[in-house]
């Protein structure tokens, strides 16, 4: 009987320790949303007739951090941003993207939304657009949803 109690206690201690270690491993993970983006001139406000297009992936995490980027074709992008604005409306820049190669734009390291911006994201009111010399207000756009 004493041997059974001792081995049962060891099993309980090992199980508890394994659970604590597993939970500690996940404590720094910022779970979030992976957003697949398609950018086109049709989504710009006003719409732009263009052969340019773009696509990419962003991560918006529960801690409000943002990462990822987009790649474009058919446009000589001069700048790109994440803006706050509902579909069909323009809005202010909240995160400027960094040029990455000839056709790429990435979210800078440590980019983070504030509470109001995160709430707007959850409501589908953030978008990315890529600007060009010909279309200074934006040539292609994609809503984060």
C-alpha atoms as a PDB file:
ATOM      1  CA  UNK A   1       0.000   0.000   0.000  1.00  0.00           C
ATOM      2  CA  UNK A   2       2.846   2.387   0.899  1.00  0.00           C
ATOM      3  CA  UNK A   3       4.554   1.637  -2.442  1.00  0.00           C
ATOM      4  CA  UNK A   4       1.332   2.416  -4.334  1.00  0.00           C
ATOM      5  CA  UNK A   5       0.959   5.799  -2.570  1.00  0.00           C
ATOM      6  CA  UNK A   6       4.597   6.713  -3.278  1.00  0.00           C
ATOM      7  CA  UNK A   7       4.362   5.840  -6.987  1.00  0.00           C
ATOM      8  CA  UNK A   8       0.986   7.588  -7.251  1.00  0.00           C
ATOM      9  CA  UNK A   9       2.518  10.729  -5.689  1.00  0.00           C
ATOM     10  CA  UNK A  10       5.433  10.620  -8.125  1.00  0.00           C
ATOM     11  CA  UNK A  11       3.022  10.334 -11.075  1.00  0.00           C
ATOM     12  CA  UNK A  12       0.998  13.306  -9.754  1.00  0.00           C
ATOM     13  CA  UNK A  13       4.123  15.421  -9.260  1.00  0.00           C
ATOM     14  CA  UNK A  14       5.461  14.558 -12.746  1.00  0.00           C
ATOM     15  CA  UNK A  15       2.099  15.295 -14.388  1.00  0.00           C
ATOM     16  CA  UNK A  16       1.833  18.631 -12.570  1.00  0.00           C
ATOM     17  CA  UNK A  17       5.406  19.552 -13.516  1.00  0.00           C
ATOM     18  CA  UNK A  18       4.803  18.659 -17.182  1.00  0.00           C
ATOM     19  CA  UNK A  19       1.643  20.789 -17.227  1.00  0.00           C
ATOM     20  CA  UNK A  20       3.462  23.783 -15.704  1.00  0.00           C
ATOM     21  CA  UNK A  21       6.315  23.465 -18.208  1.00  0.00           C
ATOM     22  CA  UNK A  22       3.877  23.204 -21.125  1.00  0.00           C
ATOM     23  CA  UNK A  23       1.915  26.267 -19.995  1.00  0.00           C
ATOM     24  CA  UNK A  24       5.111  28.256 -19.470  1.00  0.00           C
ATOM     25  CA  UNK A  25       6.118  27.476 -23.043  1.00  0.00           C
ATOM     26  CA  UNK A  26       2.896  28.990 -24.361  1.00  0.00           C
ATOM     27  CA  UNK A  27       2.806  32.048 -22.117  1.00  0.00           C
ATOM     28  CA  UNK A  28       4.817  34.230 -24.542  1.00  0.00           C
ATOM     29  CA  UNK A  29       2.862  33.250 -27.635  1.00  0.00           C
ATOM     30  CA  UNK A  30       0.707  36.011 -29.094  1.00  0.00           C
ATOM     31  CA  UNK A  31      -2.135  34.149 -30.771  1.00  0.00           C
ATOM     32  CA  UNK A  32      -3.857  36.065 -33.502  1.00  0.00           C
ATOM     33  CA  UNK A  33      -5.305  36.232 -36.962  1.00  0.00           C
ATOM     34  CA  UNK A  34      -3.615  35.431 -40.254  1.00  0.00           C
ATOM     35  CA  UNK A  35      -5.083  37.662 -42.958  1.00  0.00           C
ATOM     36  CA  UNK A  36      -4.655  36.822 -46.645  1.00  0.00           C
ATOM     37  CA  UNK A  37      -4.750  39.998 -48.737  1.00  0.00           C
ATOM     38  CA  UNK A  38      -5.580  40.690 -52.363  1.00  0.00           C
ATOM     39  CA  UNK A  39      -4.943  44.256 -53.538  1.00  0.00           C
ATOM     40  CA  UNK A  40      -6.510  45.796 -56.630  1.00  0.00           C
ATOM     41  CA  UNK A  41      -7.396  49.169 -58.093  1.00  0.00           C
ATOM     42  CA  UNK A  42     -11.101  48.321 -57.842  1.00  0.00           C
ATOM     43  CA  UNK A  43     -10.889  48.642 -54.041  1.00  0.00           C
ATOM     44  CA  UNK A  44      -9.320  52.110 -54.086  1.00  0.00           C
ATOM     45  CA  UNK A  45     -11.519  55.123 -53.270  1.00  0.00           C
ATOM     46  CA  UNK A  46     -12.178  56.278 -55.906  1.00  0.00           C
ATOM     47  CA  UNK A  47     -11.553  53.108 -57.934  1.00  0.00           C
ATOM     48  CA  UNK A  48      -8.447  53.093 -60.145  1.00  0.00           C
ATOM     49  CA  UNK A  49      -8.243  51.469 -63.590  1.00  0.00           C
ATOM     50  CA  UNK A  50      -4.929  49.609 -63.431  1.00  0.00           C
ATOM     51  CA  UNK A  51      -3.318  46.311 -64.332  1.00  0.00           C
ATOM     52  CA  UNK A  52      -1.459  46.427 -60.999  1.00  0.00           C
ATOM     53  CA  UNK A  53      -2.226  43.845 -58.339  1.00  0.00           C
ATOM     54  CA  UNK A  54      -0.860  42.659 -55.050  1.00  0.00           C
ATOM     55  CA  UNK A  55      -1.195  40.030 -52.409  1.00  0.00           C
ATOM     56  CA  UNK A  56       0.269  38.977 -49.126  1.00  0.00           C
ATOM     57  CA  UNK A  57      -0.266  37.885 -45.583  1.00  0.00           C
ATOM     58  CA  UNK A  58      -0.473  39.840 -42.346  1.00  0.00           C
ATOM     59  CA  UNK A  59      -0.633  38.618 -38.769  1.00  0.00           C
ATOM     60  CA  UNK A  60      -2.563  40.650 -36.228  1.00  0.00           C
ATOM     61  CA  UNK A  61      -1.938  39.156 -32.812  1.00  0.00           C
ATOM     62  CA  UNK A  62      -3.949  39.305 -29.602  1.00  0.00           C
ATOM     63  CA  UNK A  63      -1.283  41.608 -28.122  1.00  0.00           C
ATOM     64  CA  UNK A  64      -2.082  43.986 -31.034  1.00  0.00           C
ATOM     65  CA  UNK A  65       1.302  43.440 -32.720  1.00  0.00           C
ATOM     66  CA  UNK A  66       1.298  43.336 -36.522  1.00  0.00           C
ATOM     67  CA  UNK A  67       3.683  41.573 -38.909  1.00  0.00           C
ATOM     68  CA  UNK A  68       3.839  40.399 -42.519  1.00  0.00           C
ATOM     69  CA  UNK A  69       3.801  42.105 -45.868  1.00  0.00           C
ATOM     70  CA  UNK A  70       2.602  42.315 -49.446  1.00  0.00           C
ATOM     71  CA  UNK A  71       4.106  41.824 -52.903  1.00  0.00           C
ATOM     72  CA  UNK A  72       2.937  43.781 -55.941  1.00  0.00           C
ATOM     73  CA  UNK A  73       3.018  43.382 -59.710  1.00  0.00           C
ATOM     74  CA  UNK A  74       2.540  45.970 -62.429  1.00  0.00           C
ATOM     75  CA  UNK A  75       3.143  48.996 -60.210  1.00  0.00           C
ATOM     76  CA  UNK A  76       6.224  51.019 -59.315  1.00  0.00           C
ATOM     77  CA  UNK A  77       5.163  51.609 -55.725  1.00  0.00           C
ATOM     78  CA  UNK A  78       6.420  54.773 -54.064  1.00  0.00           C
ATOM     79  CA  UNK A  79       5.018  53.991 -50.610  1.00  0.00           C
ATOM     80  CA  UNK A  80       2.609  51.668 -48.837  1.00  0.00           C
ATOM     81  CA  UNK A  81       0.681  51.915 -45.585  1.00  0.00           C
ATOM     82  CA  UNK A  82      -1.869  50.342 -43.317  1.00  0.00           C
ATOM     83  CA  UNK A  83      -4.716  52.842 -42.982  1.00  0.00           C
ATOM     84  CA  UNK A  84      -7.743  53.028 -40.741  1.00  0.00           C
ATOM     85  CA  UNK A  85     -10.914  53.209 -42.835  1.00  0.00           C
ATOM     86  CA  UNK A  86     -13.908  51.089 -43.698  1.00  0.00           C
ATOM     87  CA  UNK A  87     -14.378  49.627 -47.175  1.00  0.00           C
ATOM     88  CA  UNK A  88     -15.420  52.449 -49.491  1.00  0.00           C
ATOM     89  CA  UNK A  89     -13.832  55.140 -47.324  1.00  0.00           C
ATOM     90  CA  UNK A  90     -10.340  56.576 -47.003  1.00  0.00           C
ATOM     91  CA  UNK A  91      -8.635  57.067 -43.668  1.00  0.00           C
ATOM     92  CA  UNK A  92      -5.400  58.071 -41.952  1.00  0.00           C
ATOM     93  CA  UNK A  93      -2.122  56.157 -42.088  1.00  0.00           C
ATOM     94  CA  UNK A  94      -1.521  54.120 -38.948  1.00  0.00           C
ATOM     95  CA  UNK A  95       1.508  51.999 -39.964  1.00  0.00           C
ATOM     96  CA  UNK A  96       3.879  52.943 -42.811  1.00  0.00           C
ATOM     97  CA  UNK A  97       5.284  49.847 -44.542  1.00  0.00           C
ATOM     98  CA  UNK A  98       8.946  49.434 -45.445  1.00  0.00           C
ATOM     99  CA  UNK A  99      10.086  48.699 -49.008  1.00  0.00           C
ATOM    100  CA  UNK A 100      11.517  45.201 -49.358  1.00  0.00           C
ATOM    101  CA  UNK A 101      13.076  44.532 -52.738  1.00  0.00           C
ATOM    102  CA  UNK A 102      11.599  45.707 -56.027  1.00  0.00           C
ATOM    103  CA  UNK A 103       8.004  44.670 -55.389  1.00  0.00           C
ATOM    104  CA  UNK A 104       7.707  44.018 -51.672  1.00  0.00           C
ATOM    105  CA  UNK A 105       6.457  45.935 -48.663  1.00  0.00           C
ATOM    106  CA  UNK A 106       6.741  44.710 -45.061  1.00  0.00           C
ATOM    107  CA  UNK A 107       5.392  45.789 -41.715  1.00  0.00           C
ATOM    108  CA  UNK A 108       8.311  47.178 -39.679  1.00  0.00           C
ATOM    109  CA  UNK A 109       9.507  45.199 -36.659  1.00  0.00           C
ATOM    110  CA  UNK A 110       7.647  45.894 -33.411  1.00  0.00           C
ATOM    111  CA  UNK A 111       4.642  47.498 -35.156  1.00  0.00           C
ATOM    112  CA  UNK A 112       1.630  47.556 -32.897  1.00  0.00           C
ATOM    113  CA  UNK A 113      -1.933  48.826 -33.043  1.00  0.00           C
ATOM    114  CA  UNK A 114      -3.386  50.918 -30.256  1.00  0.00           C
ATOM    115  CA  UNK A 115      -6.726  49.998 -28.634  1.00  0.00           C
ATOM    116  CA  UNK A 116      -8.847  52.083 -31.057  1.00  0.00           C
ATOM    117  CA  UNK A 117      -6.984  50.741 -34.107  1.00  0.00           C
ATOM    118  CA  UNK A 118      -7.338  47.150 -32.891  1.00  0.00           C
ATOM    119  CA  UNK A 119     -11.068  47.700 -32.406  1.00  0.00           C
ATOM    120  CA  UNK A 120     -11.239  49.126 -35.958  1.00  0.00           C
ATOM    121  CA  UNK A 121      -9.346  46.052 -37.228  1.00  0.00           C
ATOM    122  CA  UNK A 122     -11.863  43.731 -35.541  1.00  0.00           C
ATOM    123  CA  UNK A 123     -14.655  45.729 -37.240  1.00  0.00           C
ATOM    124  CA  UNK A 124     -12.988  45.296 -40.680  1.00  0.00           C
ATOM    125  CA  UNK A 125     -11.952  48.944 -40.849  1.00  0.00           C
ATOM    126  CA  UNK A 126      -8.245  48.690 -41.712  1.00  0.00           C
ATOM    127  CA  UNK A 127      -6.743  48.454 -45.184  1.00  0.00           C
ATOM    128  CA  UNK A 128      -3.396  48.407 -46.983  1.00  0.00           C
ATOM    129  CA  UNK A 129      -2.745  50.438 -50.061  1.00  0.00           C
ATOM    130  CA  UNK A 130       0.237  50.952 -52.313  1.00  0.00           C
ATOM    131  CA  UNK A 131       0.810  54.386 -53.811  1.00  0.00           C
ATOM    132  CA  UNK A 132       2.509  55.225 -57.115  1.00  0.00           C
ATOM    133  CA  UNK A 133       3.719  58.390 -58.845  1.00  0.00           C
ATOM    134  CA  UNK A 134       0.691  58.207 -61.147  1.00  0.00           C
ATOM    135  CA  UNK A 135      -1.789  57.521 -58.311  1.00  0.00           C
ATOM    136  CA  UNK A 136      -0.512  59.441 -55.307  1.00  0.00           C
ATOM    137  CA  UNK A 137      -3.613  58.616 -53.204  1.00  0.00           C
ATOM    138  CA  UNK A 138      -3.149  54.908 -53.841  1.00  0.00           C
ATOM    139  CA  UNK A 139      -3.146  52.617 -56.876  1.00  0.00           C
ATOM    140  CA  UNK A 140      -4.116  49.300 -55.266  1.00  0.00           C
ATOM    141  CA  UNK A 141      -5.848  48.496 -52.005  1.00  0.00           C
ATOM    142  CA  UNK A 142      -6.954  45.544 -49.913  1.00  0.00           C
ATOM    143  CA  UNK A 143      -9.157  45.530 -46.814  1.00  0.00           C
ATOM    144  CA  UNK A 144      -7.940  43.571 -43.749  1.00  0.00           C
ATOM    145  CA  UNK A 145     -10.736  41.138 -42.966  1.00  0.00           C
END
